[in-house]
Structures are given as structure tokens and as C-alpha cells.
Amino acid sequence: MSDAGDALMQIGESTAEAVMGVLQVFCPEEGQVTQGLVAAVPPGVHPMEGVPVPAVATGVSFVDGVHGGNVFVMTVKGARRLAASMMGAELPEDDAELTELDLSAMGEAMNQMMSAAAMATSKVLGKEVEIAPPEVQQFTDPAQATAAYDPTPHAVTAQFSILGEPCRLVLFIPNAFIVRMNRALSEMTTEYAEYEQGPLSPLVRDVPLRLWAELGRVRMPLQALVGLPVGAVVELDHEVDDPIDLYVNDMLFATGRLLVTDDSEWAVRIETVHGVPDNPRHPSPDSQSLTAGPTTTTQGD
């Protein structure tokens, strides 16, 4: 995959994950929300082509001097179902027009989704991305959807299913974002190269970093979280013998295996360091052991 392709997938996957997290807050039961394929849009193809209609789309534009933005498009039936789920009502089975109550509930969901999408893009780029207020449009014809949004040099789509209805997240990505990401990746590669060539500078050796080991995660609605009694058992998404993730300042740094030291302390044996090129001068994985108390992360939405 090209550098541009790598950058597109990083932005697309991070943004789709952020949107998925918001959707699971409003539709917390298992299977109500599923995420499908995340893919870069081929040149010459409009990312809104083939959207299911009748549809309602919520979009935000970037306002930091570049052309682009994020759009979430869903069927009218899907929008009504999402609104009903948020209000605890029975899910509708028809494509009737959206009521003011539907639009208000859906607007709240879309605001949170678009904010999460922008934050995810900002985190990947390493620079805050400002967005304009969301705009809602409805389409009865696929041609209306393609005419409503100007194409950008790059685009990514992520497919979702919400309460049985198909939805699509579209990222209209300006070329400036790809250039920025490629520059950041290049600088990271240079930093690793400098690390390989000699010891760390004395200026940075004593910089404190937050390091933790994560056994697994779980998502649950806020109502279930606050209702947990003392002694409750929360199942995580990892098996007991799965690799342990190591994070440094919120960035996935390495993976390893949980073990107990001779002093009966928890530790993690590092097996893979992400982003560092293979080099025979590095110690073998078997010789690297990091003593760090593993943590069980429970996420409540």
C-alpha cells in the first residue's frame, strides 16, 4: 500500500472506531450496531454513490483552511429507529417522515458522532481539526446525494448497520491531511533511525512517561455501570492467554505476555515493539521483561 493509502486507512479506521463507540452508547444491546468494511474510495468514484434512499445525511465541514469534512448518511427508517432507541420507544417499521422529535434525537446523536469523528482525525494528525456546525440534508434520489457534496482528492468510507438498517460514514479528506500525516510518519522514521545510531540525548532521558499494561476492555451502558455491586465480575474482551497491550502516553507501544517474577510481582514480557524496525542489534524478545502492574480497564459509556 502507498504512503497515501496508509494514511487514509489510519484516518478512516480511527474515525470509524470513534463513531462506533458513540453509536454503541445509543444502541447498547449486542448486535444492534455493527461495523463493516473501511475502505479508500478509488479515484473517479464519488463516495456518496449508491447510498440507500430515502436517506438523511448529517455532515460537518473542516474550517481550518482546507476543503473537506465528514458525513454520516443513513436511511430514513434507520434514523427513525435510532431516534426511537434513544427515547426507549418501539422501533418503527416504515419509512414515514421524520418528526420534530425524531430530528431532535437524531441531531443529538449526530452531533456527538461528528465531534468524535473530528477528535479522532485530530488525534491521528497530531493537530486539532476545527469543524463547522452540522448540517442535515434529506435525499430521495442517489443523484441528490452525490450532487450535495463536492469530491476531495481523497475519501474513505466505513459501512455500518444500525438496528438492521445500512449506514455509511464518509470522510472527505483534503490533500493537506495526507501531506501532514506523511510528514509526521517521516519524522517518526527519522527519530527511530537516530535512536538506532546512538544513545538517547541526555536532555530527554529523564522525561517521565506514563506506561501501563491493559488486559482487556468492555463496553456497557452507563445504567449498567452505575448499578454494578461490590464483587461483580466484569468479563473482558480478551482471553487469559491473549497478548497484553502496553501503552505509553495513550499510544499502543508494544504487546507481550503476562508473567509473575521471582519476587511474586506481576510483569509483562515484551514480545513485539510496534513501529520499531527489525534490527539484529536489539535484544531478543525473550531477554526483555518489563515489570508493570497490569490494569483491567472498564469503559462505561
Protein backbone atom coordinates (compact mmCIF):
# COMPACT_ATOMS: atom_id res chain seq x y z
CA MET A 1 0.00 0.00 0.00
CA SER A 2 1.24 3.51 -0.81
CA ASP A 3 2.04 6.14 1.83
CA ALA A 4 -1.21 7.92 0.91
CA GLY A 5 -3.11 4.65 1.26
CA ASP A 6 -1.59 4.01 4.70
CA ALA A 7 -2.52 7.50 5.84
CA LEU A 8 -6.08 7.16 4.53
CA MET A 9 -6.62 3.86 6.32
CA GLN A 10 -5.26 5.25 9.59
CA ILE A 11 -7.65 8.18 9.44
CA GLY A 12 -10.56 6.00 8.30
CA GLU A 13 -10.15 3.24 10.87
CA SER A 14 -9.60 5.64 13.79
CA THR A 15 -12.61 7.74 12.85
CA ALA A 16 -14.85 4.70 12.29
CA GLU A 17 -13.88 3.33 15.70
CA ALA A 18 -14.75 6.64 17.36
CA VAL A 19 -18.16 6.76 15.64
CA MET A 20 -18.81 3.13 16.57
CA GLY A 21 -18.20 3.99 20.21
CA VAL A 22 -20.84 6.73 20.12
CA LEU A 23 -23.38 4.52 18.35
CA GLN A 24 -22.96 1.80 20.98
CA VAL A 25 -23.93 4.31 23.65
CA PHE A 26 -27.31 4.85 21.99
CA CYS A 27 -27.76 1.20 20.94
CA PRO A 28 -26.07 -0.75 23.74
CA GLU A 29 -27.55 -4.21 23.14
CA GLU A 30 -25.32 -6.71 21.37
CA GLY A 31 -25.80 -6.79 17.61
CA GLN A 32 -27.76 -3.55 17.40
CA VAL A 33 -24.77 -1.80 15.82
CA THR A 34 -22.14 -3.49 13.66
CA GLN A 35 -19.25 -2.04 11.71
CA GLY A 36 -18.41 -3.24 8.23
CA LEU A 37 -15.68 -2.52 5.73
CA VAL A 38 -13.47 0.56 5.93
CA ALA A 39 -12.02 1.32 2.51
CA ALA A 40 -10.40 4.08 0.49
CA VAL A 41 -12.57 5.31 -2.37
CA PRO A 42 -10.98 4.71 -5.81
CA PRO A 43 -10.13 7.81 -7.88
CA GLY A 44 -13.02 8.99 -10.03
CA VAL A 45 -15.67 7.42 -7.80
CA HIS A 46 -17.87 9.69 -5.70
CA PRO A 47 -18.01 8.34 -2.12
CA MET A 48 -21.76 9.05 -1.91
CA GLU A 49 -22.59 6.88 -4.93
CA GLY A 50 -25.07 4.12 -4.23
CA VAL A 51 -26.28 5.36 -0.83
CA PRO A 52 -29.63 3.77 0.11
CA VAL A 53 -32.62 6.10 -0.21
CA PRO A 54 -34.70 7.70 1.14
CA ALA A 55 -31.82 8.88 3.28
CA VAL A 56 -30.86 11.54 5.78
CA ALA A 57 -27.27 12.78 5.98
CA THR A 58 -25.50 14.84 8.63
CA GLY A 59 -22.27 16.49 7.56
CA VAL A 60 -19.65 18.79 9.01
CA SER A 61 -17.04 20.75 7.09
CA PHE A 62 -13.46 21.42 8.16
CA VAL A 63 -12.87 25.12 8.78
CA ASP A 64 -9.10 25.24 9.28
CA GLY A 65 -8.33 26.40 5.76
CA VAL A 66 -8.83 23.09 3.95
CA HIS A 67 -11.66 21.65 1.87
CA GLY A 68 -13.26 18.50 3.25
CA GLY A 69 -15.34 17.08 6.07
CA ASN A 70 -17.23 14.10 7.45
CA VAL A 71 -20.70 12.88 6.52
CA PHE A 72 -22.85 10.19 8.12
CA VAL A 73 -25.71 9.00 5.95
CA MET A 74 -28.45 6.60 6.97
CA THR A 75 -31.85 5.55 5.69
CA VAL A 76 -34.85 7.48 6.96
CA LYS A 77 -36.08 4.27 8.55
CA GLY A 78 -32.70 3.86 10.25
CA ALA A 79 -32.83 7.45 11.53
CA ARG A 80 -36.32 6.89 12.95
CA ARG A 81 -35.19 3.65 14.57
CA LEU A 82 -32.13 5.29 16.10
CA ALA A 83 -34.29 8.10 17.50
CA ALA A 84 -36.77 5.56 18.91
CA SER A 85 -33.96 3.59 20.55
CA MET A 86 -32.62 6.75 22.17
CA MET A 87 -36.06 7.55 23.57
CA GLY A 88 -36.84 4.00 24.66
CA ALA A 89 -39.75 3.71 22.22
CA GLU A 90 -40.81 0.84 19.97
CA LEU A 91 -38.78 0.60 16.75
CA PRO A 92 -40.78 1.74 13.68
CA GLU A 93 -41.07 -0.49 10.62
CA ASP A 94 -41.87 2.11 7.93
CA ASP A 95 -40.23 5.00 6.08
CA ALA A 96 -42.58 7.69 7.35
CA GLU A 97 -41.27 11.24 7.51
CA LEU A 98 -39.09 12.24 10.41
CA THR A 99 -40.98 14.11 13.12
CA GLU A 100 -39.55 17.07 15.02
CA LEU A 101 -38.92 14.72 17.95
CA ASP A 102 -37.09 12.30 15.63
CA LEU A 103 -34.95 15.10 14.22
CA SER A 104 -34.11 16.40 17.68
CA ALA A 105 -32.98 12.98 18.95
CA MET A 106 -31.11 12.17 15.77
CA GLY A 107 -29.48 15.60 15.81
CA GLU A 108 -28.09 14.94 19.29
CA ALA A 109 -26.68 11.60 18.16
CA MET A 110 -25.18 13.10 15.03
CA ASN A 111 -23.59 15.97 16.95
CA GLN A 112 -21.80 13.52 19.22
CA MET A 113 -20.76 11.31 16.32
CA MET A 114 -19.34 14.18 14.30
CA SER A 115 -17.47 15.55 17.32
CA ALA A 116 -15.99 12.11 18.00
CA ALA A 117 -15.02 11.79 14.34
CA ALA A 118 -13.26 15.16 14.37
CA MET A 119 -11.42 14.31 17.59
CA ALA A 120 -10.26 11.00 16.09
CA THR A 121 -8.99 12.77 12.98
CA SER A 122 -7.22 15.35 15.16
CA LYS A 123 -5.52 12.62 17.17
CA VAL A 124 -4.24 10.86 14.04
CA LEU A 125 -2.98 14.12 12.51
CA GLY A 126 -1.48 15.40 15.76
CA LYS A 127 -3.27 18.71 15.16
CA GLU A 128 -6.67 19.96 16.23
CA VAL A 129 -9.23 19.89 13.43
CA GLU A 130 -11.97 22.50 13.72
CA ILE A 131 -15.39 21.77 12.22
CA ALA A 132 -18.40 23.85 11.27
CA PRO A 133 -21.85 23.21 12.82
CA PRO A 134 -23.54 20.05 11.48
CA GLU A 135 -25.90 20.34 8.52
CA VAL A 136 -28.73 17.85 7.94
CA GLN A 137 -29.99 17.03 4.44
CA GLN A 138 -32.51 14.50 3.16
CA PHE A 139 -32.34 12.67 -0.18
CA THR A 140 -34.91 10.73 -2.16
CA ASP A 141 -32.56 10.03 -5.07
CA PRO A 142 -28.91 8.86 -5.06
CA ALA A 143 -28.07 11.62 -7.55
CA GLN A 144 -29.07 14.21 -4.95
CA ALA A 145 -26.53 12.74 -2.54
CA THR A 146 -23.63 12.97 -4.98
CA ALA A 147 -24.60 16.49 -6.03
CA ALA A 148 -24.74 17.70 -2.41
CA TYR A 149 -21.04 17.14 -1.62
CA ASP A 150 -18.04 18.24 -3.64
CA PRO A 151 -15.42 15.49 -4.00
CA THR A 152 -11.95 15.84 -2.47
CA PRO A 153 -8.62 14.38 -3.63
CA HIS A 154 -9.05 11.52 -1.14
CA ALA A 155 -12.01 9.84 0.54
CA VAL A 156 -12.70 6.90 2.83
CA THR A 157 -15.97 5.14 3.57
CA ALA A 158 -16.92 2.98 6.52
CA GLN A 159 -20.03 0.81 6.44
CA PHE A 160 -22.31 0.33 9.46
CA SER A 161 -25.56 -1.40 10.27
CA ILE A 162 -27.75 0.28 12.88
CA LEU A 163 -30.80 -1.61 14.12
CA GLY A 164 -30.88 -3.55 10.86
CA GLU A 165 -30.51 -0.54 8.56
CA PRO A 166 -27.44 0.19 6.37
CA CYS A 167 -25.48 3.37 7.10
CA ARG A 168 -22.33 4.92 5.72
CA LEU A 169 -19.65 7.18 7.17
CA VAL A 170 -17.86 9.20 4.50
CA LEU A 171 -14.61 11.06 5.11
CA PHE A 172 -13.83 13.74 2.52
CA ILE A 173 -10.09 14.12 3.09
CA PRO A 174 -8.09 17.05 1.71
CA ASN A 175 -4.62 16.51 0.32
CA ALA A 176 -3.18 18.66 3.14
CA PHE A 177 -4.12 15.96 5.66
CA ILE A 178 -2.25 13.29 3.72
CA VAL A 179 0.81 15.52 3.38
CA ARG A 180 0.69 16.25 7.10
CA MET A 181 0.45 12.58 8.01
CA ASN A 182 3.23 11.53 5.66
CA ARG A 183 5.46 14.24 7.14
CA ALA A 184 4.70 13.00 10.64
CA LEU A 185 5.44 9.40 9.65
CA SER A 186 8.69 10.52 8.03
CA GLU A 187 9.73 12.38 11.16
CA MET A 188 8.91 9.32 13.25
CA THR A 189 11.08 7.16 10.99
CA THR A 190 13.93 9.66 11.35
CA GLU A 191 13.59 9.57 15.12
CA TYR A 192 13.84 5.79 15.12
CA ALA A 193 16.88 5.97 12.85
CA GLU A 194 18.58 8.38 15.23
CA TYR A 195 17.76 6.06 18.10
CA GLU A 196 19.40 3.18 16.26
CA GLN A 197 22.56 5.19 15.60
CA GLY A 198 23.34 6.20 19.17
CA PRO A 199 22.18 6.70 22.73
CA LEU A 200 19.34 8.98 23.71
CA SER A 201 20.14 12.61 24.29
CA PRO A 202 20.69 13.45 27.97
CA LEU A 203 18.02 16.13 27.53
CA VAL A 204 15.26 13.55 27.11
CA ARG A 205 16.46 10.65 29.24
CA ASP A 206 14.68 11.88 32.36
CA VAL A 207 11.39 12.81 30.69
CA PRO A 208 8.65 10.95 32.62
CA LEU A 209 6.25 8.83 30.56
CA ARG A 210 3.03 7.17 31.65
CA LEU A 211 3.21 3.43 30.94
CA TRP A 212 0.51 0.87 31.61
CA ALA A 213 -0.46 -2.67 30.66
CA GLU A 214 -4.02 -3.43 29.59
CA LEU A 215 -5.61 -6.85 29.98
CA GLY A 216 -8.77 -6.02 28.07
CA ARG A 217 -11.76 -3.76 27.68
CA VAL A 218 -15.52 -3.89 27.88
CA ARG A 219 -18.29 -1.50 26.88
CA MET A 220 -21.51 -1.20 28.84
CA PRO A 221 -24.30 1.37 29.16
CA LEU A 222 -23.98 3.90 31.93
CA GLN A 223 -27.05 2.46 33.66
CA ALA A 224 -25.38 -0.95 33.94
CA LEU A 225 -22.10 0.58 35.08
CA VAL A 226 -23.51 2.57 37.98
CA GLY A 227 -25.55 -0.46 39.02
CA LEU A 228 -22.54 -2.75 39.49
CA PRO A 229 -22.48 -4.10 43.05
CA VAL A 230 -19.34 -4.79 45.05
CA GLY A 231 -17.92 -8.14 43.97
CA ALA A 232 -19.48 -8.04 40.49
CA VAL A 233 -17.49 -9.83 37.77
CA VAL A 234 -16.97 -7.89 34.53
CA GLU A 235 -15.98 -10.02 31.54
CA LEU A 236 -13.29 -8.52 29.30
CA ASP A 237 -12.82 -8.94 25.55
CA HIS A 238 -9.52 -10.86 25.92
CA GLU A 239 -8.82 -14.46 26.87
CA VAL A 240 -6.50 -15.13 29.78
CA ASP A 241 -3.67 -16.23 27.48
CA ASP A 242 -4.08 -13.42 24.93
CA PRO A 243 -1.24 -10.90 24.44
CA ILE A 244 -1.18 -7.92 26.81
CA ASP A 245 -1.17 -4.43 25.27
CA LEU A 246 1.38 -1.90 26.55
CA TYR A 247 0.57 1.81 26.19
CA VAL A 248 2.87 4.82 26.54
CA ASN A 249 1.10 8.18 26.87
CA ASP A 250 -2.11 6.80 25.25
CA MET A 251 -0.21 5.23 22.33
CA LEU A 252 -0.03 1.46 21.77
CA PHE A 253 3.67 0.79 22.16
CA ALA A 254 4.13 -2.97 22.43
CA THR A 255 2.50 -6.31 23.19
CA GLY A 256 3.67 -9.04 25.48
CA ARG A 257 2.73 -11.87 27.85
CA LEU A 258 1.70 -11.69 31.48
CA LEU A 259 4.00 -13.41 33.96
CA VAL A 260 5.00 -13.45 37.62
CA THR A 261 8.55 -12.56 38.66
CA ASP A 262 10.67 -14.36 41.23
CA ASP A 263 9.56 -11.71 43.72
CA SER A 264 5.90 -12.65 43.09
CA GLU A 265 5.22 -9.37 41.26
CA TRP A 266 3.19 -9.03 38.10
CA ALA A 267 5.21 -8.30 34.96
CA VAL A 268 4.88 -8.32 31.18
CA ARG A 269 7.44 -9.94 28.90
CA ILE A 270 7.68 -7.79 25.76
CA GLU A 271 7.26 -9.79 22.55
CA THR A 272 6.59 -7.11 19.96
CA VAL A 273 7.52 -3.40 19.89
CA HIS A 274 5.29 -1.60 17.38
CA GLY A 275 6.85 0.79 14.88
CA VAL A 276 10.48 -0.18 15.53
CA PRO A 277 12.19 -1.80 12.52
CA ASP A 278 13.74 -5.23 12.93
CA ASN A 279 17.40 -4.97 13.89
CA PRO A 280 19.71 -7.78 14.98
CA ARG A 281 21.36 -5.37 17.44
CA HIS A 282 18.18 -5.32 19.51
CA PRO A 283 17.99 -7.83 22.37
CA SER A 284 15.84 -10.84 21.60
CA PRO A 285 12.22 -10.70 22.85
CA ASP A 286 12.96 -13.44 25.37
CA SER A 287 15.51 -11.21 27.10
CA GLN A 288 13.15 -8.25 27.56
CA SER A 289 10.95 -8.14 30.64
CA LEU A 290 9.07 -5.15 31.95
CA THR A 291 7.76 -5.06 35.48
CA ALA A 292 4.45 -3.23 35.41
CA GLY A 293 1.23 -3.85 37.20
CA PRO A 294 -1.40 -4.83 34.62
CA THR A 295 -4.65 -2.97 34.76
CA THR A 296 -8.18 -4.07 33.96
CA THR A 297 -9.89 -1.29 32.04
CA THR A 298 -13.63 -0.96 32.32
CA GLN A 299 -15.21 1.53 29.99
CA GLY A 300 -18.67 2.79 30.68
CA ASP A 301 -20.48 4.69 28.03
